[in-house]
PDB file of all heavy atoms in Angstrom:
ATOM      1  N   PRO A   1     -19.296  28.374  36.809  1.00  0.00           N
ATOM      2  CA  PRO A   1     -18.584  28.511  35.536  1.00  0.00           C
ATOM      3  C   PRO A   1     -17.062  28.492  35.678  1.00  0.00           C
ATOM      4  O   PRO A   1     -16.358  27.905  34.842  1.00  0.00           O
ATOM      5  CB  PRO A   1     -19.069  29.870  34.997  1.00  0.00           C
ATOM      6  CG  PRO A   1     -20.386  30.085  35.648  1.00  0.00           C
ATOM      7  CD  PRO A   1     -20.273  29.450  37.004  1.00  0.00           C
ATOM      8  N   TYR A   2     -16.544  29.126  36.724  1.00  0.00           N
ATOM      9  CA  TYR A   2     -15.090  29.144  36.912  1.00  0.00           C
ATOM     10  C   TYR A   2     -14.569  27.745  37.219  1.00  0.00           C
ATOM     11  O   TYR A   2     -13.549  27.310  36.666  1.00  0.00           O
ATOM     12  CB  TYR A   2     -14.713  30.096  38.043  1.00  0.00           C
ATOM     13  CG  TYR A   2     -13.224  30.092  38.331  1.00  0.00           C
ATOM     14  CD1 TYR A   2     -12.338  30.744  37.478  1.00  0.00           C
ATOM     15  CD2 TYR A   2     -12.714  29.414  39.436  1.00  0.00           C
ATOM     16  CE1 TYR A   2     -10.972  30.721  37.725  1.00  0.00           C
ATOM     17  CE2 TYR A   2     -11.352  29.385  39.690  1.00  0.00           C
ATOM     18  CZ  TYR A   2     -10.483  30.047  38.836  1.00  0.00           C
ATOM     19  OH  TYR A   2      -9.135  30.003  39.076  1.00  0.00           O
ATOM     20  N   GLU A   3     -15.276  27.028  38.082  1.00  0.00           N
ATOM     21  CA  GLU A   3     -14.856  25.676  38.425  1.00  0.00           C
ATOM     22  C   GLU A   3     -14.948  24.744  37.215  1.00  0.00           C
ATOM     23  O   GLU A   3     -14.117  23.851  37.042  1.00  0.00           O
ATOM     24  CB  GLU A   3     -15.693  25.147  39.585  1.00  0.00           C
ATOM     25  CG  GLU A   3     -15.407  25.855  40.904  1.00  0.00           C
ATOM     26  CD  GLU A   3     -16.216  25.292  42.052  1.00  0.00           C
ATOM     27  OE1 GLU A   3     -16.988  24.332  41.823  1.00  0.00           O
ATOM     28  OE2 GLU A   3     -16.084  25.819  43.174  1.00  0.00           O
ATOM     29  N   ARG A   4     -15.964  24.961  36.370  1.00  0.00           N
ATOM     30  CA  ARG A   4     -16.066  24.171  35.144  1.00  0.00           C
ATOM     31  C   ARG A   4     -14.878  24.446  34.227  1.00  0.00           C
ATOM     32  O   ARG A   4     -14.310  23.531  33.624  1.00  0.00           O
ATOM     33  CB  ARG A   4     -17.367  24.474  34.397  1.00  0.00           C
ATOM     34  CG  ARG A   4     -18.589  23.811  34.963  1.00  0.00           C
ATOM     35  CD  ARG A   4     -19.699  23.689  33.931  1.00  0.00           C
ATOM     36  NE  ARG A   4     -20.045  24.957  33.308  1.00  0.00           N
ATOM     37  CZ  ARG A   4     -20.884  25.836  33.814  1.00  0.00           C
ATOM     38  NH1 ARG A   4     -21.461  25.601  34.990  1.00  0.00           N
ATOM     39  NH2 ARG A   4     -21.165  26.953  33.178  1.00  0.00           N
ATOM     40  N   ALA A   5     -14.509  25.726  34.135  1.00  0.00           N
ATOM     41  CA  ALA A   5     -13.359  26.091  33.309  1.00  0.00           C
ATOM     42  C   ALA A   5     -12.080  25.447  33.835  1.00  0.00           C
ATOM     43  O   ALA A   5     -11.238  24.964  33.057  1.00  0.00           O
ATOM     44  CB  ALA A   5     -13.208  27.612  33.259  1.00  0.00           C
ATOM     45  N   GLN A   6     -11.937  25.413  35.159  1.00  0.00           N
ATOM     46  CA  GLN A   6     -10.759  24.774  35.758  1.00  0.00           C
ATOM     47  C   GLN A   6     -10.735  23.281  35.467  1.00  0.00           C
ATOM     48  O   GLN A   6      -9.673  22.706  35.181  1.00  0.00           O
ATOM     49  CB  GLN A   6     -10.755  25.027  37.271  1.00  0.00           C
ATOM     50  CG  GLN A   6     -10.464  26.459  37.672  1.00  0.00           C
ATOM     51  CD  GLN A   6      -9.077  26.905  37.212  1.00  0.00           C
ATOM     52  OE1 GLN A   6      -8.069  26.331  37.589  1.00  0.00           O
ATOM     53  NE2 GLN A   6      -9.042  27.935  36.371  1.00  0.00           N
ATOM     54  N   ALA A   7     -11.895  22.642  35.534  1.00  0.00           N
ATOM     55  CA  ALA A   7     -11.974  21.206  35.240  1.00  0.00           C
ATOM     56  C   ALA A   7     -11.569  20.934  33.795  1.00  0.00           C
ATOM     57  O   ALA A   7     -10.825  19.987  33.507  1.00  0.00           O
ATOM     58  CB  ALA A   7     -13.384  20.691  35.503  1.00  0.00           C
ATOM     59  N   ARG A   8     -12.005  21.804  32.886  1.00  0.00           N
ATOM     60  CA  ARG A   8     -11.634  21.627  31.469  1.00  0.00           C
ATOM     61  C   ARG A   8     -10.137  21.858  31.270  1.00  0.00           C
ATOM     62  O   ARG A   8      -9.499  21.181  30.463  1.00  0.00           O
ATOM     63  CB  ARG A   8     -12.459  22.574  30.598  1.00  0.00           C
ATOM     64  CG  ARG A   8     -13.950  22.214  30.554  1.00  0.00           C
ATOM     65  CD  ARG A   8     -14.711  23.122  29.595  1.00  0.00           C
ATOM     66  NE  ARG A   8     -16.098  22.715  29.507  1.00  0.00           N
ATOM     67  CZ  ARG A   8     -17.122  23.414  29.995  1.00  0.00           C
ATOM     68  NH1 ARG A   8     -16.894  24.569  30.625  1.00  0.00           N
ATOM     69  NH2 ARG A   8     -18.359  22.986  29.859  1.00  0.00           N
ATOM     70  N   PHE A   9      -9.585  22.821  32.005  1.00  0.00           N
ATOM     71  CA  PHE A   9      -8.137  23.069  31.923  1.00  0.00           C
ATOM     72  C   PHE A   9      -7.360  21.826  32.336  1.00  0.00           C
ATOM     73  O   PHE A   9      -6.432  21.394  31.647  1.00  0.00           O
ATOM     74  CB  PHE A   9      -7.761  24.243  32.823  1.00  0.00           C
ATOM     75  CG  PHE A   9      -6.264  24.375  33.022  1.00  0.00           C
ATOM     76  CD1 PHE A   9      -5.491  25.047  32.097  1.00  0.00           C
ATOM     77  CD2 PHE A   9      -5.639  23.792  34.129  1.00  0.00           C
ATOM     78  CE1 PHE A   9      -4.118  25.146  32.270  1.00  0.00           C
ATOM     79  CE2 PHE A   9      -4.271  23.892  34.304  1.00  0.00           C
ATOM     80  CZ  PHE A   9      -3.497  24.571  33.371  1.00  0.00           C
ATOM     81  N   TRP A  10      -7.728  21.240  33.484  1.00  0.00           N
ATOM     82  CA  TRP A  10      -7.005  20.077  33.975  1.00  0.00           C
ATOM     83  C   TRP A  10      -7.234  18.852  33.084  1.00  0.00           C
ATOM     84  O   TRP A  10      -6.335  18.018  32.927  1.00  0.00           O
ATOM     85  CB  TRP A  10      -7.398  19.782  35.420  1.00  0.00           C
ATOM     86  CG  TRP A  10      -6.747  20.710  36.396  1.00  0.00           C
ATOM     87  CD1 TRP A  10      -7.342  21.693  37.128  1.00  0.00           C
ATOM     88  CD2 TRP A  10      -5.355  20.752  36.727  1.00  0.00           C
ATOM     89  NE1 TRP A  10      -6.412  22.354  37.892  1.00  0.00           N
ATOM     90  CE2 TRP A  10      -5.178  21.794  37.678  1.00  0.00           C
ATOM     91  CE3 TRP A  10      -4.239  20.024  36.322  1.00  0.00           C
ATOM     92  CZ2 TRP A  10      -3.943  22.111  38.211  1.00  0.00           C
ATOM     93  CZ3 TRP A  10      -3.003  20.344  36.869  1.00  0.00           C
ATOM     94  CH2 TRP A  10      -2.858  21.370  37.800  1.00  0.00           C
ATOM     95  N   ALA A  11      -8.401  18.759  32.483  1.00  0.00           N
ATOM     96  CA  ALA A  11      -8.657  17.657  31.555  1.00  0.00           C
ATOM     97  C   ALA A  11      -7.704  17.741  30.364  1.00  0.00           C
ATOM     98  O   ALA A  11      -7.135  16.724  29.927  1.00  0.00           O
ATOM     99  CB  ALA A  11     -10.108  17.685  31.080  1.00  0.00           C
ATOM    100  N   LYS A  12      -7.525  18.951  29.857  1.00  0.00           N
ATOM    101  CA  LYS A  12      -6.597  19.147  28.738  1.00  0.00           C
ATOM    102  C   LYS A  12      -5.166  18.858  29.174  1.00  0.00           C
ATOM    103  O   LYS A  12      -4.380  18.264  28.414  1.00  0.00           O
ATOM    104  CB  LYS A  12      -6.723  20.584  28.221  1.00  0.00           C
ATOM    105  CG  LYS A  12      -6.045  20.850  26.888  1.00  0.00           C
ATOM    106  CD  LYS A  12      -6.376  22.246  26.394  1.00  0.00           C
ATOM    107  CE  LYS A  12      -5.740  22.518  25.026  1.00  0.00           C
ATOM    108  NZ  LYS A  12      -6.324  21.670  23.973  1.00  0.00           N
ATOM    109  N   PHE A  13      -4.822  19.244  30.395  1.00  0.00           N
ATOM    110  CA  PHE A  13      -3.485  18.973  30.927  1.00  0.00           C
ATOM    111  C   PHE A  13      -3.247  17.467  31.037  1.00  0.00           C
ATOM    112  O   PHE A  13      -2.187  16.962  30.650  1.00  0.00           O
ATOM    113  CB  PHE A  13      -3.336  19.625  32.301  1.00  0.00           C
ATOM    114  CG  PHE A  13      -2.017  19.344  32.960  1.00  0.00           C
ATOM    115  CD1 PHE A  13      -0.924  20.146  32.691  1.00  0.00           C
ATOM    116  CD2 PHE A  13      -1.869  18.273  33.832  1.00  0.00           C
ATOM    117  CE1 PHE A  13       0.310  19.880  33.284  1.00  0.00           C
ATOM    118  CE2 PHE A  13      -0.654  18.007  34.428  1.00  0.00           C
ATOM    119  CZ  PHE A  13       0.446  18.814  34.152  1.00  0.00           C
ATOM    120  N   ILE A  14      -4.219  16.739  31.575  1.00  0.00           N
ATOM    121  CA  ILE A  14      -4.092  15.289  31.724  1.00  0.00           C
ATOM    122  C   ILE A  14      -3.880  14.634  30.369  1.00  0.00           C
ATOM    123  O   ILE A  14      -3.020  13.766  30.206  1.00  0.00           O
ATOM    124  CB  ILE A  14      -5.335  14.710  32.423  1.00  0.00           C
ATOM    125  CG1 ILE A  14      -5.361  15.139  33.900  1.00  0.00           C
ATOM    126  CG2 ILE A  14      -5.374  13.182  32.321  1.00  0.00           C
ATOM    127  CD1 ILE A  14      -6.682  14.873  34.588  1.00  0.00           C
ATOM    128  N   GLU A  15      -4.654  15.078  29.389  1.00  0.00           N
ATOM    129  CA  GLU A  15      -4.570  14.489  28.055  1.00  0.00           C
ATOM    130  C   GLU A  15      -3.249  14.810  27.372  1.00  0.00           C
ATOM    131  O   GLU A  15      -2.581  13.916  26.832  1.00  0.00           O
ATOM    132  CB  GLU A  15      -5.742  14.997  27.209  1.00  0.00           C
ATOM    133  CG  GLU A  15      -5.768  14.430  25.798  1.00  0.00           C
ATOM    134  CD  GLU A  15      -6.923  14.986  24.985  1.00  0.00           C
ATOM    135  OE1 GLU A  15      -7.317  16.146  25.223  1.00  0.00           O
ATOM    136  OE2 GLU A  15      -7.416  14.269  24.111  1.00  0.00           O
ATOM    137  N   GLU A  16      -2.851  16.096  27.409  1.00  0.00           N
ATOM    138  CA  GLU A  16      -1.713  16.533  26.617  1.00  0.00           C
ATOM    139  C   GLU A  16      -0.375  16.356  27.329  1.00  0.00           C
ATOM    140  O   GLU A  16       0.634  16.065  26.678  1.00  0.00           O
ATOM    141  CB  GLU A  16      -1.888  18.000  26.221  1.00  0.00           C
ATOM    142  CG  GLU A  16      -3.057  18.216  25.267  1.00  0.00           C
ATOM    143  CD  GLU A  16      -3.156  19.649  24.779  1.00  0.00           C
ATOM    144  OE1 GLU A  16      -2.396  20.515  25.300  1.00  0.00           O
ATOM    145  OE2 GLU A  16      -3.981  19.905  23.891  1.00  0.00           O
ATOM    146  N   LYS A  17      -0.343  16.543  28.646  1.00  0.00           N
ATOM    147  CA  LYS A  17       0.922  16.482  29.374  1.00  0.00           C
ATOM    148  C   LYS A  17       1.187  15.091  29.944  1.00  0.00           C
ATOM    149  O   LYS A  17       2.290  14.562  29.805  1.00  0.00           O
ATOM    150  CB  LYS A  17       0.922  17.520  30.506  1.00  0.00           C
ATOM    151  CG  LYS A  17       2.237  17.615  31.261  1.00  0.00           C
ATOM    152  CD  LYS A  17       3.367  18.118  30.387  1.00  0.00           C
ATOM    153  CE  LYS A  17       4.653  18.289  31.187  1.00  0.00           C
ATOM    154  NZ  LYS A  17       5.772  18.760  30.363  1.00  0.00           N
ATOM    155  N   CYS A  18       0.176  14.492  30.574  1.00  0.00           N
ATOM    156  CA  CYS A  18       0.386  13.200  31.228  1.00  0.00           C
ATOM    157  C   CYS A  18       0.151  12.035  30.267  1.00  0.00           C
ATOM    158  O   CYS A  18       1.040  11.216  30.024  1.00  0.00           O
ATOM    159  CB  CYS A  18      -0.541  13.065  32.437  1.00  0.00           C
ATOM    160  SG  CYS A  18      -0.313  14.332  33.689  1.00  0.00           S
ATOM    161  N   GLY A  19      -1.045  11.988  29.707  1.00  0.00           N
ATOM    162  CA  GLY A  19      -1.407  10.849  28.867  1.00  0.00           C
ATOM    163  C   GLY A  19      -0.508  10.664  27.671  1.00  0.00           C
ATOM    164  O   GLY A  19      -0.049   9.560  27.377  1.00  0.00           O
ATOM    165  N   ARG A  20      -0.239  11.753  26.972  1.00  0.00           N
ATOM    166  CA  ARG A  20       0.588  11.658  25.762  1.00  0.00           C
ATOM    167  C   ARG A  20       1.990  11.151  26.095  1.00  0.00           C
ATOM    168  O   ARG A  20       2.554  10.315  25.379  1.00  0.00           O
ATOM    169  CB  ARG A  20       0.647  13.033  25.092  1.00  0.00           C
ATOM    170  CG  ARG A  20       1.262  13.028  23.709  1.00  0.00           C
ATOM    171  CD  ARG A  20       1.069  14.386  23.060  1.00  0.00           C
ATOM    172  NE  ARG A  20      -0.350  14.682  22.844  1.00  0.00           N
ATOM    173  CZ  ARG A  20      -0.809  15.892  22.485  1.00  0.00           C
ATOM    174  NH1 ARG A  20       0.034  16.897  22.332  1.00  0.00           N
ATOM    175  NH2 ARG A  20      -2.099  16.079  22.298  1.00  0.00           N
ATOM    176  N   ALA A  21       2.563  11.629  27.200  1.00  0.00           N
ATOM    177  CA  ALA A  21       3.909  11.193  27.587  1.00  0.00           C
ATOM    178  C   ALA A  21       3.920   9.722  27.997  1.00  0.00           C
ATOM    179  O   ALA A  21       4.848   8.977  27.658  1.00  0.00           O
ATOM    180  CB  ALA A  21       4.427  12.068  28.728  1.00  0.00           C
ATOM    181  N   ILE A  22       2.898   9.306  28.724  1.00  0.00           N
ATOM    182  CA  ILE A  22       2.829   7.909  29.179  1.00  0.00           C
ATOM    183  C   ILE A  22       2.746   6.955  27.991  1.00  0.00           C
ATOM    184  O   ILE A  22       3.471   5.956  27.925  1.00  0.00           O
ATOM    185  CB  ILE A  22       1.633   7.735  30.124  1.00  0.00           C
ATOM    186  CG1 ILE A  22       1.903   8.436  31.458  1.00  0.00           C
ATOM    187  CG2 ILE A  22       1.337   6.241  30.360  1.00  0.00           C
ATOM    188  CD1 ILE A  22       0.667   8.608  32.320  1.00  0.00           C
ATOM    189  N   TRP A  23       1.869   7.263  27.040  1.00  0.00           N
ATOM    190  CA  TRP A  23       1.730   6.384  25.875  1.00  0.00           C
ATOM    191  C   TRP A  23       2.957   6.437  24.979  1.00  0.00           C
ATOM    192  O   TRP A  23       3.330   5.416  24.374  1.00  0.00           O
ATOM    193  CB  TRP A  23       0.467   6.742  25.101  1.00  0.00           C
ATOM    194  CG  TRP A  23      -0.782   6.311  25.806  1.00  0.00           C
ATOM    195  CD1 TRP A  23      -1.609   7.086  26.567  1.00  0.00           C
ATOM    196  CD2 TRP A  23      -1.323   4.993  25.861  1.00  0.00           C
ATOM    197  NE1 TRP A  23      -2.636   6.334  27.086  1.00  0.00           N
ATOM    198  CE2 TRP A  23      -2.493   5.047  26.668  1.00  0.00           C
ATOM    199  CE3 TRP A  23      -0.949   3.779  25.308  1.00  0.00           C
ATOM    200  CZ2 TRP A  23      -3.280   3.929  26.926  1.00  0.00           C
ATOM    201  CZ3 TRP A  23      -1.730   2.660  25.566  1.00  0.00           C
ATOM    202  CH2 TRP A  23      -2.876   2.730  26.350  1.00  0.00           C
ATOM    203  N   THR A  24       3.614   7.597  24.907  1.00  0.00           N
ATOM    204  CA  THR A  24       4.837   7.693  24.115  1.00  0.00           C
ATOM    205  C   THR A  24       5.939   6.836  24.721  1.00  0.00           C
ATOM    206  O   THR A  24       6.662   6.123  24.010  1.00  0.00           O
ATOM    207  CB  THR A  24       5.313   9.160  24.024  1.00  0.00           C
ATOM    208  OG1 THR A  24       4.305   9.930  23.361  1.00  0.00           O
ATOM    209  CG2 THR A  24       6.619   9.266  23.245  1.00  0.00           C
ATOM    210  N   ALA A  25       6.087   6.868  26.039  1.00  0.00           N
ATOM    211  CA  ALA A  25       7.100   6.046  26.705  1.00  0.00           C
ATOM    212  C   ALA A  25       6.843   4.560  26.485  1.00  0.00           C
ATOM    213  O   ALA A  25       7.781   3.783  26.279  1.00  0.00           O
ATOM    214  CB  ALA A  25       7.134   6.368  28.193  1.00  0.00           C
ATOM    215  N   TYR A  26       5.581   4.177  26.537  1.00  0.00           N
ATOM    216  CA  TYR A  26       5.234   2.771  26.303  1.00  0.00           C
ATOM    217  C   TYR A  26       5.574   2.346  24.873  1.00  0.00           C
ATOM    218  O   TYR A  26       6.039   1.223  24.648  1.00  0.00           O
ATOM    219  CB  TYR A  26       3.740   2.566  26.560  1.00  0.00           C
ATOM    220  CG  TYR A  26       3.201   1.255  26.025  1.00  0.00           C
ATOM    221  CD1 TYR A  26       3.431   0.059  26.691  1.00  0.00           C
ATOM    222  CD2 TYR A  26       2.464   1.224  24.845  1.00  0.00           C
ATOM    223  CE1 TYR A  26       2.941  -1.138  26.184  1.00  0.00           C
ATOM    224  CE2 TYR A  26       1.971   0.037  24.337  1.00  0.00           C
ATOM    225  CZ  TYR A  26       2.213  -1.145  25.012  1.00  0.00           C
ATOM    226  OH  TYR A  26       1.729  -2.333  24.509  1.00  0.00           O
ATOM    227  N   GLY A  27       5.396   3.235  23.907  1.00  0.00           N
ATOM    228  CA  GLY A  27       5.508   2.847  22.505  1.00  0.00           C
ATOM    229  C   GLY A  27       6.790   3.250  21.819  1.00  0.00           C
ATOM    230  O   GLY A  27       6.862   3.223  20.588  1.00  0.00           O
ATOM    231  N   THR A  28       7.833   3.636  22.588  1.00  0.00           N
ATOM    232  CA  THR A  28       9.100   4.034  21.977  1.00  0.00           C
ATOM    233  C   THR A  28      10.275   3.398  22.717  1.00  0.00           C
ATOM    234  O   THR A  28      10.101   2.722  23.724  1.00  0.00           O
ATOM    235  CB  THR A  28       9.259   5.569  21.998  1.00  0.00           C
ATOM    236  OG1 THR A  28       9.173   6.039  23.346  1.00  0.00           O
ATOM    237  CG2 THR A  28       8.196   6.245  21.152  1.00  0.00           C
ATOM    238  N   GLN A  29      11.472   3.681  22.203  1.00  0.00           N
ATOM    239  CA  GLN A  29      12.711   3.214  22.831  1.00  0.00           C
ATOM    240  C   GLN A  29      13.728   4.347  22.866  1.00  0.00           C
ATOM    241  O   GLN A  29      13.527   5.403  22.264  1.00  0.00           O
ATOM    242  CB  GLN A  29      13.288   2.028  22.046  1.00  0.00           C
ATOM    243  CG  GLN A  29      12.505   0.733  22.187  1.00  0.00           C
ATOM    244  CD  GLN A  29      13.183  -0.398  21.423  1.00  0.00           C
ATOM    245  OE1 GLN A  29      13.453  -0.299  20.241  1.00  0.00           O
ATOM    246  NE2 GLN A  29      13.457  -1.489  22.118  1.00  0.00           N
ATOM    247  N   GLY A  30      14.836   4.099  23.581  1.00  0.00           N
ATOM    248  CA  GLY A  30      15.965   5.017  23.559  1.00  0.00           C
ATOM    249  C   GLY A  30      15.663   6.381  24.130  1.00  0.00           C
ATOM    250  O   GLY A  30      14.942   6.530  25.114  1.00  0.00           O
ATOM    251  N   GLU A  31      16.239   7.411  23.497  1.00  0.00           N
ATOM    252  CA  GLU A  31      16.129   8.777  24.017  1.00  0.00           C
ATOM    253  C   GLU A  31      14.689   9.274  24.046  1.00  0.00           C
ATOM    254  O   GLU A  31      14.295   9.987  24.974  1.00  0.00           O
ATOM    255  CB  GLU A  31      16.989   9.724  23.172  1.00  0.00           C
ATOM    256  CG  GLU A  31      18.482   9.485  23.320  1.00  0.00           C
ATOM    257  CD  GLU A  31      19.299  10.493  22.518  1.00  0.00           C
ATOM    258  OE1 GLU A  31      18.678  11.406  21.910  1.00  0.00           O
ATOM    259  OE2 GLU A  31      20.538  10.378  22.510  1.00  0.00           O
ATOM    260  N   GLU A  32      13.913   8.917  23.041  1.00  0.00           N
ATOM    261  CA  GLU A  32      12.515   9.350  23.010  1.00  0.00           C
ATOM    262  C   GLU A  32      11.737   8.784  24.197  1.00  0.00           C
ATOM    263  O   GLU A  32      10.931   9.479  24.827  1.00  0.00           O
ATOM    264  CB  GLU A  32      11.851   8.918  21.700  1.00  0.00           C
ATOM    265  CG  GLU A  32      10.457   9.496  21.518  1.00  0.00           C
ATOM    266  CD  GLU A  32       9.844   9.139  20.172  1.00  0.00           C
ATOM    267  OE1 GLU A  32      10.487   8.401  19.384  1.00  0.00           O
ATOM    268  OE2 GLU A  32       8.716   9.587  19.913  1.00  0.00           O
ATOM    269  N   LYS A  33      12.022   7.529  24.521  1.00  0.00           N
ATOM    270  CA  LYS A  33      11.381   6.892  25.667  1.00  0.00           C
ATOM    271  C   LYS A  33      11.804   7.565  26.973  1.00  0.00           C
ATOM    272  O   LYS A  33      10.963   7.859  27.837  1.00  0.00           O
ATOM    273  CB  LYS A  33      11.732   5.406  25.697  1.00  0.00           C
ATOM    274  CG  LYS A  33      11.142   4.618  26.850  1.00  0.00           C
ATOM    275  CD  LYS A  33      11.560   3.160  26.756  1.00  0.00           C
ATOM    276  CE  LYS A  33      11.068   2.353  27.936  1.00  0.00           C
ATOM    277  NZ  LYS A  33      11.498   0.937  27.868  1.00  0.00           N
ATOM    278  N   GLU A  34      13.103   7.833  27.121  1.00  0.00           N
ATOM    279  CA  GLU A  34      13.608   8.467  28.342  1.00  0.00           C
ATOM    280  C   GLU A  34      13.004   9.856  28.537  1.00  0.00           C
ATOM    281  O   GLU A  34      12.624  10.234  29.652  1.00  0.00           O
ATOM    282  CB  GLU A  34      15.133   8.558  28.282  1.00  0.00           C
ATOM    283  CG  GLU A  34      15.825   7.197  28.374  1.00  0.00           C
ATOM    284  CD  GLU A  34      17.325   7.306  28.219  1.00  0.00           C
ATOM    285  OE1 GLU A  34      17.830   8.454  28.137  1.00  0.00           O
ATOM    286  OE2 GLU A  34      17.994   6.263  28.191  1.00  0.00           O
ATOM    287  N   LYS A  35      12.914  10.626  27.464  1.00  0.00           N
ATOM    288  CA  LYS A  35      12.326  11.964  27.551  1.00  0.00           C
ATOM    289  C   LYS A  35      10.845  11.879  27.936  1.00  0.00           C
ATOM    290  O   LYS A  35      10.353  12.662  28.759  1.00  0.00           O
ATOM    291  CB  LYS A  35      12.465  12.704  26.230  1.00  0.00           C
ATOM    292  CG  LYS A  35      11.894  14.120  26.277  1.00  0.00           C
ATOM    293  CD  LYS A  35      12.030  14.824  24.938  1.00  0.00           C
ATOM    294  CE  LYS A  35      11.527  16.276  25.030  1.00  0.00           C
ATOM    295  NZ  LYS A  35      10.135  16.368  25.516  1.00  0.00           N
ATOM    296  N   ALA A  36      10.145  10.916  27.355  1.00  0.00           N
ATOM    297  CA  ALA A  36       8.717  10.760  27.650  1.00  0.00           C
ATOM    298  C   ALA A  36       8.503  10.379  29.110  1.00  0.00           C
ATOM    299  O   ALA A  36       7.552  10.849  29.748  1.00  0.00           O
ATOM    300  CB  ALA A  36       8.105   9.719  26.723  1.00  0.00           C
ATOM    301  N   ILE A  37       9.378   9.538  29.656  1.00  0.00           N
ATOM    302  CA  ILE A  37       9.274   9.163  31.069  1.00  0.00           C
ATOM    303  C   ILE A  37       9.435  10.391  31.961  1.00  0.00           C
ATOM    304  O   ILE A  37       8.663  10.603  32.902  1.00  0.00           O
ATOM    305  CB  ILE A  37      10.324   8.093  31.430  1.00  0.00           C
ATOM    306  CG1 ILE A  37       9.993   6.765  30.727  1.00  0.00           C
ATOM    307  CG2 ILE A  37      10.383   7.880  32.941  1.00  0.00           C
ATOM    308  CD1 ILE A  37      11.078   5.711  30.863  1.00  0.00           C
ATOM    309  N   LYS A  38      10.416  11.230  31.651  1.00  0.00           N
ATOM    310  CA  LYS A  38      10.632  12.454  32.437  1.00  0.00           C
ATOM    311  C   LYS A  38       9.435  13.395  32.325  1.00  0.00           C
ATOM    312  O   LYS A  38       9.009  14.005  33.308  1.00  0.00           O
ATOM    313  CB  LYS A  38      11.908  13.155  31.977  1.00  0.00           C
ATOM    314  CG  LYS A  38      13.182  12.394  32.336  1.00  0.00           C
ATOM    315  CD  LYS A  38      14.423  13.125  31.835  1.00  0.00           C
ATOM    316  CE  LYS A  38      15.682  12.352  32.178  1.00  0.00           C
ATOM    317  NZ  LYS A  38      16.898  13.032  31.649  1.00  0.00           N
ATOM    318  N   ASP A  39       8.892  13.514  31.108  1.00  0.00           N
ATOM    319  CA  ASP A  39       7.722  14.376  30.906  1.00  0.00           C
ATOM    320  C   ASP A  39       6.523  13.857  31.699  1.00  0.00           C
ATOM    321  O   ASP A  39       5.765  14.645  32.291  1.00  0.00           O
ATOM    322  CB  ASP A  39       7.361  14.435  29.418  1.00  0.00           C
ATOM    323  CG  ASP A  39       8.350  15.250  28.603  1.00  0.00           C
ATOM    324  OD1 ASP A  39       9.137  16.011  29.208  1.00  0.00           O
ATOM    325  OD2 ASP A  39       8.332  15.136  27.364  1.00  0.00           O
ATOM    326  N   ALA A  40       6.355  12.539  31.713  1.00  0.00           N
ATOM    327  CA  ALA A  40       5.237  11.943  32.456  1.00  0.00           C
ATOM    328  C   ALA A  40       5.400  12.179  33.956  1.00  0.00           C
ATOM    329  O   ALA A  40       4.436  12.517  34.649  1.00  0.00           O
ATOM    330  CB  ALA A  40       5.148  10.447  32.154  1.00  0.00           C
ATOM    331  N   GLU A  41       6.618  11.989  34.453  1.00  0.00           N
ATOM    332  CA  GLU A  41       6.876  12.212  35.878  1.00  0.00           C
ATOM    333  C   GLU A  41       6.586  13.663  36.266  1.00  0.00           C
ATOM    334  O   GLU A  41       5.988  13.930  37.316  1.00  0.00           O
ATOM    335  CB  GLU A  41       8.330  11.856  36.194  1.00  0.00           C
ATOM    336  CG  GLU A  41       8.625  10.362  36.120  1.00  0.00           C
ATOM    337  CD  GLU A  41      10.106  10.059  36.265  1.00  0.00           C
ATOM    338  OE1 GLU A  41      10.936  10.979  36.070  1.00  0.00           O
ATOM    339  OE2 GLU A  41      10.436   8.897  36.560  1.00  0.00           O
ATOM    340  N   GLU A  42       7.004  14.588  35.415  1.00  0.00           N
ATOM    341  CA  GLU A  42       6.762  16.004  35.681  1.00  0.00           C
ATOM    342  C   GLU A  42       5.264  16.309  35.674  1.00  0.00           C
ATOM    343  O   GLU A  42       4.753  17.027  36.548  1.00  0.00           O
ATOM    344  CB  GLU A  42       7.469  16.856  34.624  1.00  0.00           C
ATOM    345  CG  GLU A  42       7.252  18.358  34.795  1.00  0.00           C
ATOM    346  CD  GLU A  42       7.893  19.155  33.676  1.00  0.00           C
ATOM    347  OE1 GLU A  42       8.842  18.655  33.042  1.00  0.00           O
ATOM    348  OE2 GLU A  42       7.423  20.284  33.429  1.00  0.00           O
ATOM    349  N   GLY A  43       4.548  15.749  34.697  1.00  0.00           N
ATOM    350  CA  GLY A  43       3.113  15.973  34.610  1.00  0.00           C
ATOM    351  C   GLY A  43       2.368  15.406  35.796  1.00  0.00           C
ATOM    352  O   GLY A  43       1.454  16.052  36.340  1.00  0.00           O
ATOM    353  N   LEU A  44       2.741  14.221  36.234  1.00  0.00           N
ATOM    354  CA  LEU A  44       2.088  13.606  37.384  1.00  0.00           C
ATOM    355  C   LEU A  44       2.350  14.395  38.663  1.00  0.00           C
ATOM    356  O   LEU A  44       1.471  14.489  39.528  1.00  0.00           O
ATOM    357  CB  LEU A  44       2.553  12.155  37.540  1.00  0.00           C
ATOM    358  CG  LEU A  44       2.090  11.182  36.449  1.00  0.00           C
ATOM    359  CD1 LEU A  44       2.812   9.846  36.586  1.00  0.00           C
ATOM    360  CD2 LEU A  44       0.586  10.981  36.507  1.00  0.00           C
TER     361      LEU A  44
END
């Protein structure tokens, strides 16, 4: 159960921290794009 909970935690992290930033960087320009790139790098 603990390991399952950890897997769900990291799944949420991948979705919210990494994935969202990566797609935002792809679909924006300027400052929003630069911030998303930094967020993605930090998440990875």
